[in-house]
């Protein structure tokens, strides 16, 4: 005997060890997915958030924005540079020019790198 359970006609039975591996693999994938989502949503190490109105945009075109500045509710001007945004498809950097004109606030998630604030995510402020 091989330890396999006989299959009904027309059915294929998996070995019990293989089924266990498939379940463990699915659990591992789910754990990694939750960790990635949590890190993206919650922020991750060294992330900070500022909210304010856009007062300046440094760009050579709508599709090539190098940096921008916001004015916070506390009256502080904060400068950011853009290298790569996590949500560039949802909030294209060129959209900052519209926010500058309309005065609709943005929320900027950023990290400090090489002595400057690097924006990693920009959203319409709630």
Protein backbone atom coordinates (compact mmCIF):
# COMPACT_ATOMS: atom_id res chain seq x y z
CA UNK A 1 0.00 0.00 0.00
CA UNK A 2 1.17 3.49 -0.80
CA UNK A 3 -0.92 5.39 1.76
CA UNK A 4 -3.11 6.98 -0.91
CA UNK A 5 -6.85 7.19 -0.50
CA UNK A 6 -8.68 5.50 -3.36
CA UNK A 7 -10.35 7.99 -5.68
CA UNK A 8 -13.93 7.86 -6.79
CA UNK A 9 -14.33 7.14 -10.48
CA UNK A 10 -13.43 10.26 -12.47
CA UNK A 11 -11.63 11.93 -9.53
CA UNK A 12 -7.95 12.32 -8.83
CA UNK A 13 -6.82 12.29 -5.22
CA UNK A 14 -3.82 14.31 -4.11
CA UNK A 15 -1.36 12.80 -1.73
CA UNK A 16 -1.95 14.11 1.82
CA UNK A 17 1.61 15.55 2.01
CA UNK A 18 1.18 17.49 -1.23
CA UNK A 19 -2.13 18.99 -0.10
CA UNK A 20 -0.47 20.13 3.12
CA UNK A 21 2.33 21.81 1.14
CA UNK A 22 -0.21 23.60 -1.06
CA UNK A 23 -2.05 24.93 2.00
CA UNK A 24 1.18 26.07 3.65
CA UNK A 25 2.26 27.76 0.41
CA UNK A 26 -1.06 29.61 0.16
CA UNK A 27 -0.73 30.74 3.78
CA UNK A 28 2.82 31.99 3.15
CA UNK A 29 1.68 33.98 0.09
CA UNK A 30 -1.19 35.50 2.10
CA UNK A 31 1.14 36.51 4.95
CA UNK A 32 3.57 38.21 2.54
CA UNK A 33 0.69 40.02 0.79
CA UNK A 34 -0.67 41.33 4.10
CA UNK A 35 2.80 42.49 5.16
CA UNK A 36 3.31 44.40 1.89
CA UNK A 37 -0.13 46.03 2.12
CA UNK A 38 0.44 46.97 5.76
CA UNK A 39 3.84 48.50 5.01
CA UNK A 40 2.39 50.52 2.14
CA UNK A 41 -0.72 51.65 4.01
CA UNK A 42 0.74 52.29 7.44
CA UNK A 43 3.84 53.90 6.09
CA UNK A 44 6.96 51.94 6.76
CA UNK A 45 10.18 52.94 8.45
CA UNK A 46 11.05 56.62 8.49
CA UNK A 47 7.91 57.81 6.73
CA UNK A 48 6.36 61.12 7.68
CA UNK A 49 3.29 63.01 6.47
CA UNK A 50 2.64 66.71 5.80
CA UNK A 51 -0.56 68.32 4.54
CA UNK A 52 -0.89 71.72 2.91
CA UNK A 53 -1.58 73.73 -0.20
CA UNK A 54 0.80 73.62 -3.15
CA UNK A 55 2.64 76.95 -3.48
CA UNK A 56 5.35 76.03 -6.00
CA UNK A 57 6.01 73.33 -8.59
CA UNK A 58 9.42 72.74 -10.16
CA UNK A 59 8.86 71.08 -13.53
CA UNK A 60 10.08 71.07 -17.11
CA UNK A 61 6.71 69.70 -18.31
CA UNK A 62 3.54 68.17 -16.89
CA UNK A 63 5.13 64.74 -17.08
CA UNK A 64 8.49 65.80 -15.63
CA UNK A 65 8.12 67.24 -12.14
CA UNK A 66 11.29 67.39 -10.06
CA UNK A 67 9.91 68.97 -6.90
CA UNK A 68 7.26 71.10 -5.22
CA UNK A 69 6.53 73.06 -2.05
CA UNK A 70 3.50 73.15 0.21
CA UNK A 71 2.34 75.63 2.84
CA UNK A 72 1.07 73.85 5.96
CA UNK A 73 -1.81 75.05 8.14
CA UNK A 74 0.84 76.09 10.67
CA UNK A 75 2.37 78.51 8.14
CA UNK A 76 5.48 76.44 7.41
CA UNK A 77 6.70 75.99 3.82
CA UNK A 78 7.96 72.44 3.19
CA UNK A 79 9.94 71.53 0.07
CA UNK A 80 9.84 68.07 -1.52
CA UNK A 81 11.64 66.42 -4.38
CA UNK A 82 10.16 63.67 -6.49
CA UNK A 83 12.18 60.62 -7.49
CA UNK A 84 9.56 57.87 -7.65
CA UNK A 85 5.95 57.92 -6.42
CA UNK A 86 4.16 54.77 -5.29
CA UNK A 87 0.88 56.11 -6.63
CA UNK A 88 1.99 58.04 -9.74
CA UNK A 89 -0.79 56.43 -11.80
CA UNK A 90 -3.48 57.58 -9.34
CA UNK A 91 -1.88 60.99 -8.70
CA UNK A 92 0.35 62.01 -11.62
CA UNK A 93 2.94 64.59 -10.51
CA UNK A 94 1.65 67.00 -13.18
CA UNK A 95 -1.61 67.17 -11.19
CA UNK A 96 0.25 69.32 -8.64
CA UNK A 97 -0.05 72.32 -11.00
CA UNK A 98 -3.85 72.05 -10.78
CA UNK A 99 -3.65 71.93 -6.97
CA UNK A 100 -1.51 75.06 -7.03
CA UNK A 101 -4.21 76.94 -8.93
CA UNK A 102 -7.24 75.54 -7.07
CA UNK A 103 -5.65 75.68 -3.59
CA UNK A 104 -7.00 72.23 -2.81
CA UNK A 105 -4.66 70.74 -0.16
CA UNK A 106 -2.54 67.64 -0.69
CA UNK A 107 -1.23 65.07 1.77
CA UNK A 108 2.39 64.13 1.14
CA UNK A 109 4.00 61.00 2.55
CA UNK A 110 7.78 61.37 2.45
CA UNK A 111 11.11 60.07 3.69
CA UNK A 112 14.25 62.04 4.44
CA UNK A 113 17.05 61.04 2.05
CA UNK A 114 20.31 62.77 1.27
CA UNK A 115 19.35 65.86 3.26
CA UNK A 116 15.98 66.50 1.60
CA UNK A 117 12.36 65.41 1.83
CA UNK A 118 11.62 62.84 -0.88
CA UNK A 119 7.89 62.46 -1.64
CA UNK A 120 6.91 58.80 -1.97
CA UNK A 121 3.12 59.31 -2.13
CA UNK A 122 0.87 62.31 -2.88
CA UNK A 123 -2.88 62.35 -2.36
CA UNK A 124 -5.77 64.78 -2.22
CA UNK A 125 -6.05 65.80 1.43
CA UNK A 126 -9.20 64.60 3.18
